[in-house]
Amino acid sequence: MAVVDAVPVPSAEPATARTPLRRILRDRVGAAALAVVLLFLLLAAAAPLIAALYGKNPVDHYGQNAPGLLSDGGLPTLPNGGISGDFWFGLEPGLGRDVFTQLLYGIRTSLLIAFAAATVTTALGVLAGVAVGFLGGVADRLFGFLAHVLLAFPTLLLLLALSPVIQSRLVDPGAAEPEWMQFLVLVLVFSAFGWIPLALSLRATVRSLRERDFVQSARAQGASRFHIVVHELLPNVRSQLLVHATMAVPTFVASEAALSFLGVGVTEPVPDWGRMIARGSEVFQADPTYLVFPGVALLLFVIAFNLLGDAVRDALDPRSGVR
């Protein structure tokens, strides 16, 4: 009796290998971007602990308090911006503050504003986009007109104009502006226009979903509008929301740094990357090192978050294969 060789049957891929996180980790670029983003998040969360172990803080003027650290012109006397065993990334020209702790706390500043703005813009985009896309008719046409009119405005100029106006309305004349007010103003400024692209995208998606069979079936069964929106439409746009939020964070980080660079963002003494870059550009010829650290940190963070956003989009796309 002839023995028939068994044909090997390929084993099915585990279900966990098809999860978005597993697909991101299997993508080398996505995994590297995720590692960099997690590193920045860890540094931001542990900034007070790291600063305590390091023995420095971002507000003390070490160069002015200790002789020999700064020259008469305010520049670090040691080479490479004053880098030494005591000051790992050197000293800030002029004030003599520690650059390493300024960078650490600058991460917290940027992330707090970016995550808050991304949360607000996502919520506004969901409310407007889903509601208008589901209702249609006159509301849809009016929203489309309004959104395109707002998008026609030069966003950066409006941000520059709105920031001092909001500050003047929220703070009494002659009163010192509290730190939380600076964060609130930036979140409000970013939220004024940041929700529109997501709302337009969700509007188009919901307009196509509302005609699908599962929505029509829910209507035929007497489901309320609230039930259809919450249980039928929102679950089908969760991936879109996650991708938007991931891509919005680096945009807001860069925008916040740009406003601080131009002098209308976070002010002293709150550590901020944009203001560090502005100061570094002023002393670049005499002390180029001071510009390198915040510039490289901002570049790495924005690139890593953008690459992570691309990886999340690919991982959530049902049409893309496992990498």
Protein backbone atom coordinates (compact mmCIF):
# COMPACT_ATOMS: atom_id res chain seq x y z
CA MET A 1 0.00 0.00 0.00
CA ALA A 2 1.47 3.28 -1.11
CA VAL A 3 2.11 5.88 1.53
CA VAL A 4 0.87 9.28 0.55
CA ASP A 5 3.02 12.10 1.87
CA ALA A 6 1.03 14.51 3.92
CA VAL A 7 0.84 17.97 2.44
CA PRO A 8 1.97 20.46 5.07
CA VAL A 9 -0.77 22.89 5.90
CA PRO A 10 0.50 26.34 6.81
CA SER A 11 -0.46 27.21 10.34
CA ALA A 12 -2.85 30.04 10.75
CA GLU A 13 -1.37 33.26 12.00
CA PRO A 14 -2.34 33.93 15.61
CA ALA A 15 -5.11 36.43 16.06
CA THR A 16 -2.84 38.65 18.11
CA ALA A 17 -0.50 39.02 15.13
CA ARG A 18 -3.27 40.82 13.31
CA THR A 19 -3.84 43.42 16.01
CA PRO A 20 -2.80 47.01 15.17
CA LEU A 21 -0.11 47.08 17.87
CA ARG A 22 1.47 43.84 16.62
CA ARG A 23 1.44 45.16 13.07
CA ILE A 24 3.14 48.38 14.19
CA LEU A 25 5.81 46.43 16.05
CA ARG A 26 6.47 44.25 13.00
CA ASP A 27 7.15 47.38 10.98
CA ARG A 28 10.73 48.45 11.68
CA VAL A 29 10.08 52.13 11.02
CA GLY A 30 6.88 52.09 13.05
CA ALA A 31 8.53 50.25 15.94
CA ALA A 32 11.46 52.69 15.98
CA ALA A 33 9.08 55.66 15.90
CA LEU A 34 7.03 54.18 18.73
CA ALA A 35 10.19 53.66 20.80
CA VAL A 36 11.24 57.30 20.31
CA VAL A 37 7.77 58.58 21.18
CA LEU A 38 7.62 56.43 24.31
CA LEU A 39 11.07 57.70 25.30
CA PHE A 40 9.91 61.31 25.04
CA LEU A 41 6.77 60.51 27.02
CA LEU A 42 8.83 58.78 29.71
CA LEU A 43 11.24 61.72 29.94
CA ALA A 44 8.33 64.15 30.22
CA ALA A 45 6.65 62.12 32.97
CA ALA A 46 9.88 61.57 34.91
CA ALA A 47 11.31 65.09 34.43
CA PRO A 48 11.04 66.10 38.13
CA LEU A 49 12.64 62.83 39.26
CA ILE A 50 15.44 63.07 36.69
CA ALA A 51 16.08 66.70 37.62
CA ALA A 52 16.22 65.80 41.31
CA LEU A 53 18.74 63.02 40.67
CA TYR A 54 20.71 65.30 38.36
CA GLY A 55 20.76 68.02 41.00
CA LYS A 56 19.68 70.92 38.77
CA ASN A 57 16.46 72.71 37.82
CA PRO A 58 15.44 74.76 34.77
CA VAL A 59 14.97 78.12 36.51
CA ASP A 60 18.13 78.76 38.59
CA HIS A 61 20.78 80.99 36.98
CA TYR A 62 23.78 78.79 37.66
CA GLY A 63 26.07 80.67 35.33
CA GLN A 64 25.38 83.97 37.05
CA ASN A 65 25.51 82.59 40.59
CA ALA A 66 28.84 80.77 40.26
CA PRO A 67 31.92 82.66 39.06
CA GLY A 68 33.86 81.45 36.04
CA LEU A 69 30.98 79.74 34.21
CA LEU A 70 30.06 82.70 31.97
CA SER A 71 32.26 85.27 30.32
CA ASP A 72 31.74 89.01 30.63
CA GLY A 73 29.64 88.81 27.46
CA GLY A 74 27.37 86.17 28.99
CA LEU A 75 28.71 83.23 26.96
CA PRO A 76 29.81 79.92 28.56
CA THR A 77 33.55 79.92 29.20
CA LEU A 78 33.97 76.19 28.60
CA PRO A 79 33.90 74.89 25.02
CA ASN A 80 30.76 73.46 23.35
CA GLY A 81 28.38 75.73 25.21
CA GLY A 82 29.77 74.93 28.65
CA ILE A 83 29.27 71.16 28.52
CA SER A 84 30.88 69.50 31.52
CA GLY A 85 30.31 66.84 34.14
CA ASP A 86 28.18 69.30 36.11
CA PHE A 87 26.19 70.60 33.13
CA TRP A 88 25.64 67.77 30.68
CA PHE A 89 24.21 69.89 27.86
CA GLY A 90 25.89 73.15 28.82
CA LEU A 91 24.54 76.49 29.98
CA GLU A 92 22.12 78.98 28.46
CA PRO A 93 23.96 82.08 27.20
CA GLY A 94 23.10 85.16 29.22
CA LEU A 95 21.05 83.74 32.09
CA GLY A 96 23.24 80.70 32.66
CA ARG A 97 20.43 78.19 33.20
CA ASP A 98 20.97 74.46 32.79
CA VAL A 99 20.13 73.32 29.24
CA PHE A 100 19.46 69.67 30.10
CA THR A 101 16.65 70.40 32.58
CA GLN A 102 15.24 73.06 30.26
CA LEU A 103 14.92 70.41 27.57
CA LEU A 104 13.28 67.95 29.97
CA TYR A 105 10.67 70.41 31.15
CA GLY A 106 10.27 71.74 27.62
CA ILE A 107 8.99 68.29 26.65
CA ARG A 108 6.30 68.58 29.32
CA THR A 109 5.27 72.02 28.06
CA SER A 110 4.96 70.92 24.45
CA LEU A 111 3.20 67.63 25.20
CA LEU A 112 0.70 69.16 27.62
CA ILE A 113 -0.39 71.79 25.09
CA ALA A 114 -0.34 69.37 22.15
CA PHE A 115 -2.36 66.62 23.87
CA ALA A 116 -4.89 69.11 25.24
CA ALA A 117 -5.34 70.75 21.83
CA ALA A 118 -5.59 67.37 20.08
CA THR A 119 -8.27 66.26 22.56
CA VAL A 120 -10.34 69.42 22.09
CA THR A 121 -10.04 69.50 18.30
CA THR A 122 -10.90 65.79 18.05
CA ALA A 123 -13.99 66.25 20.20
CA LEU A 124 -15.15 69.29 18.20
CA GLY A 125 -14.40 67.54 14.91
CA VAL A 126 -16.42 64.48 15.95
CA LEU A 127 -19.39 66.52 17.12
CA ALA A 128 -19.52 68.70 14.03
CA GLY A 129 -18.51 66.15 11.39
CA VAL A 130 -20.69 63.26 12.54
CA ALA A 131 -23.73 65.43 13.26
CA VAL A 132 -23.60 67.33 9.97
CA GLY A 133 -22.80 64.22 7.94
CA PHE A 134 -25.72 62.35 9.49
CA LEU A 135 -28.24 65.18 9.20
CA GLY A 136 -27.33 66.30 5.69
CA GLY A 137 -29.52 68.80 3.87
CA VAL A 138 -29.27 72.48 4.77
CA ALA A 139 -27.03 71.85 7.78
CA ASP A 140 -24.56 70.00 5.58
CA ARG A 141 -24.44 72.78 2.97
CA LEU A 142 -24.07 75.54 5.56
CA PHE A 143 -21.31 73.69 7.36
CA GLY A 144 -19.44 73.04 4.11
CA PHE A 145 -19.58 76.75 3.23
CA LEU A 146 -18.49 77.86 6.71
CA ALA A 147 -15.64 75.33 6.90
CA HIS A 148 -14.19 76.33 3.54
CA VAL A 149 -14.44 80.03 4.42
CA LEU A 150 -12.52 79.42 7.66
CA LEU A 151 -9.90 77.34 5.85
CA ALA A 152 -9.33 80.24 3.44
CA PHE A 153 -7.93 82.40 6.24
CA PRO A 154 -4.14 82.42 6.78
CA THR A 155 -3.96 80.29 9.90
CA LEU A 156 -0.57 81.42 11.20
CA LEU A 157 -1.45 85.12 10.95
CA LEU A 158 -4.74 84.49 12.74
CA LEU A 159 -2.95 82.57 15.49
CA LEU A 160 -0.55 85.46 15.93
CA ALA A 161 -3.45 87.91 16.08
CA LEU A 162 -5.75 85.86 18.30
CA SER A 163 -3.21 84.96 20.98
CA PRO A 164 -2.67 88.47 22.43
CA VAL A 165 -6.39 89.29 22.02
CA ILE A 166 -7.46 86.28 24.08
CA GLN A 167 -4.80 87.02 26.69
CA SER A 168 -6.00 90.60 27.06
CA ARG A 169 -9.58 89.40 27.53
CA LEU A 170 -8.73 86.81 30.16
CA VAL A 171 -6.18 88.79 32.19
CA ASP A 172 -6.86 92.10 33.91
CA PRO A 173 -4.67 95.04 32.79
CA GLY A 174 -1.53 95.26 34.89
CA ALA A 175 -2.01 91.80 36.40
CA ALA A 176 0.61 89.11 36.02
CA GLU A 177 -0.43 86.34 33.65
CA PRO A 178 -0.48 82.96 35.43
CA GLU A 179 1.25 80.03 33.79
CA TRP A 180 -1.97 78.05 33.32
CA MET A 181 -3.39 81.01 31.39
CA GLN A 182 -0.64 80.72 28.79
CA PHE A 183 -1.47 77.05 28.25
CA LEU A 184 -5.21 77.77 28.07
CA VAL A 185 -4.75 80.53 25.50
CA LEU A 186 -2.66 78.32 23.22
CA VAL A 187 -5.15 75.45 23.45
CA LEU A 188 -8.00 77.85 22.59
CA VAL A 189 -6.05 79.32 19.69
CA PHE A 190 -5.19 75.89 18.24
CA SER A 191 -8.73 74.65 18.76
CA ALA A 192 -10.23 77.58 16.87
CA PHE A 193 -9.23 76.08 13.50
CA GLY A 194 -7.72 72.66 14.23
CA TRP A 195 -11.07 70.84 14.27
CA ILE A 196 -12.10 71.75 10.72
CA PRO A 197 -10.07 69.18 8.71
CA LEU A 198 -11.27 66.30 10.89
CA ALA A 199 -14.87 67.51 10.73
CA LEU A 200 -14.74 67.66 6.93
CA SER A 201 -13.24 64.18 6.74
CA LEU A 202 -15.80 62.69 9.13
CA ARG A 203 -18.61 64.48 7.32
CA ALA A 204 -17.68 62.74 4.07
CA THR A 205 -17.30 59.35 5.78
CA VAL A 206 -20.61 59.57 7.63
CA ARG A 207 -22.43 60.69 4.48
CA SER A 208 -21.39 57.43 2.84
CA LEU A 209 -22.06 55.29 5.92
CA ARG A 210 -25.59 56.56 6.52
CA GLU A 211 -26.74 54.91 3.30
CA ARG A 212 -25.23 51.53 4.15
CA ASP A 213 -27.43 48.53 4.85
CA PHE A 214 -26.62 48.27 8.56
CA VAL A 215 -27.74 51.87 9.14
CA GLN A 216 -30.89 51.42 7.09
CA SER A 217 -31.62 48.21 9.00
CA ALA A 218 -31.29 50.03 12.32
CA ARG A 219 -33.66 52.71 11.11
CA ALA A 220 -36.17 50.12 9.96
CA GLN A 221 -36.08 48.56 13.43
CA GLY A 222 -37.01 51.90 14.98
CA ALA A 223 -33.60 52.84 16.39
CA SER A 224 -33.27 56.45 17.50
CA ARG A 225 -30.83 58.88 15.91
CA PHE A 226 -28.72 58.80 19.05
CA HIS A 227 -28.50 55.00 18.92
CA ILE A 228 -27.55 55.05 15.23
CA VAL A 229 -24.83 57.65 15.75
CA VAL A 230 -23.34 56.07 18.89
CA HIS A 231 -23.68 52.38 18.08
CA GLU A 232 -23.60 52.29 14.28
CA LEU A 233 -21.59 55.26 12.99
CA LEU A 234 -18.99 56.07 15.66
CA PRO A 235 -17.52 52.53 15.83
CA ASN A 236 -16.85 52.77 12.09
CA VAL A 237 -14.82 55.99 12.39
CA ARG A 238 -12.71 55.09 15.45
CA SER A 239 -9.70 54.26 13.31
CA GLN A 240 -10.02 57.59 11.54
CA LEU A 241 -10.12 59.40 14.89
CA LEU A 242 -7.06 57.59 16.22
CA VAL A 243 -5.03 58.39 13.12
CA HIS A 244 -6.09 62.04 13.26
CA ALA A 245 -5.17 62.38 16.93
CA THR A 246 -1.77 60.76 16.36
CA MET A 247 -1.00 63.09 13.44
CA ALA A 248 -2.35 66.18 15.24
CA VAL A 249 0.04 65.98 18.20
CA PRO A 250 3.28 66.70 16.27
CA THR A 251 1.48 69.45 14.34
CA PHE A 252 0.53 71.21 17.56
CA VAL A 253 4.01 70.70 19.02
CA ALA A 254 5.57 72.39 15.99
CA SER A 255 2.93 75.14 15.99
CA GLU A 256 3.46 75.85 19.69
CA ALA A 257 7.21 76.06 19.15
CA ALA A 258 6.67 78.41 16.20
CA LEU A 259 4.46 80.77 18.23
CA SER A 260 6.93 80.78 21.12
CA PHE A 261 9.73 81.44 18.63
CA LEU A 262 7.79 84.48 17.40
CA GLY A 263 7.21 85.69 20.97
CA VAL A 264 3.47 85.04 21.40
CA GLY A 265 3.54 81.56 22.91
CA VAL A 266 4.77 80.37 26.27
CA THR A 267 6.72 83.09 28.08
CA GLU A 268 9.33 83.11 30.83
CA PRO A 269 10.02 81.37 33.11
CA VAL A 270 8.19 78.31 31.73
CA PRO A 271 10.72 76.14 29.81
CA ASP A 272 9.86 75.93 26.13
CA TRP A 273 11.63 74.54 23.05
CA GLY A 274 10.47 77.31 20.74
CA ARG A 275 11.84 80.04 22.97
CA MET A 276 15.10 78.11 23.37
CA ILE A 277 15.42 77.94 19.56
CA ALA A 278 14.72 81.67 19.33
CA ARG A 279 17.46 82.42 21.87
CA GLY A 280 19.80 79.97 20.14
CA SER A 281 19.34 81.72 16.81
CA GLU A 282 20.40 84.99 18.41
CA VAL A 283 23.70 83.60 19.72
CA PHE A 284 24.30 80.99 17.03
CA GLN A 285 27.59 82.41 15.76
CA ALA A 286 29.09 82.70 19.23
CA ASP A 287 27.51 79.57 20.76
CA PRO A 288 25.99 77.20 18.16
CA THR A 289 25.66 74.37 20.69
CA TYR A 290 22.73 75.97 22.47
CA LEU A 291 20.63 75.86 19.28
CA VAL A 292 21.51 72.25 18.48
CA PHE A 293 19.88 70.55 21.46
CA PRO A 294 16.34 72.01 21.25
CA GLY A 295 16.44 71.90 17.44
CA VAL A 296 17.40 68.22 17.32
CA ALA A 297 14.91 67.33 20.08
CA LEU A 298 12.04 69.05 18.26
CA LEU A 299 13.04 67.49 14.94
CA LEU A 300 13.25 63.97 16.37
CA PHE A 301 9.94 64.28 18.19
CA VAL A 302 7.99 65.60 15.20
CA ILE A 303 9.47 63.08 12.77
CA ALA A 304 8.91 60.17 15.16
CA PHE A 305 5.30 61.11 15.83
CA ASN A 306 4.59 61.61 12.12
CA LEU A 307 6.11 58.22 11.30
CA LEU A 308 4.09 56.66 14.12
CA GLY A 309 0.96 58.23 12.67
CA ASP A 310 1.73 56.68 9.29
CA ALA A 311 2.30 53.31 10.95
CA VAL A 312 -0.99 53.56 12.87
CA ARG A 313 -2.84 54.43 9.67
CA ASP A 314 -1.34 51.45 7.85
CA ALA A 315 -2.03 49.12 10.78
CA LEU A 316 -5.68 50.15 10.93
CA ASP A 317 -6.18 49.97 7.18
CA PRO A 318 -7.94 46.68 6.43
CA ARG A 319 -6.66 46.77 2.85
CA SER A 320 -3.00 46.74 3.87
CA GLY A 321 -1.28 43.43 4.45
CA VAL A 322 0.73 42.40 7.47
CA ARG A 323 4.18 43.88 7.22
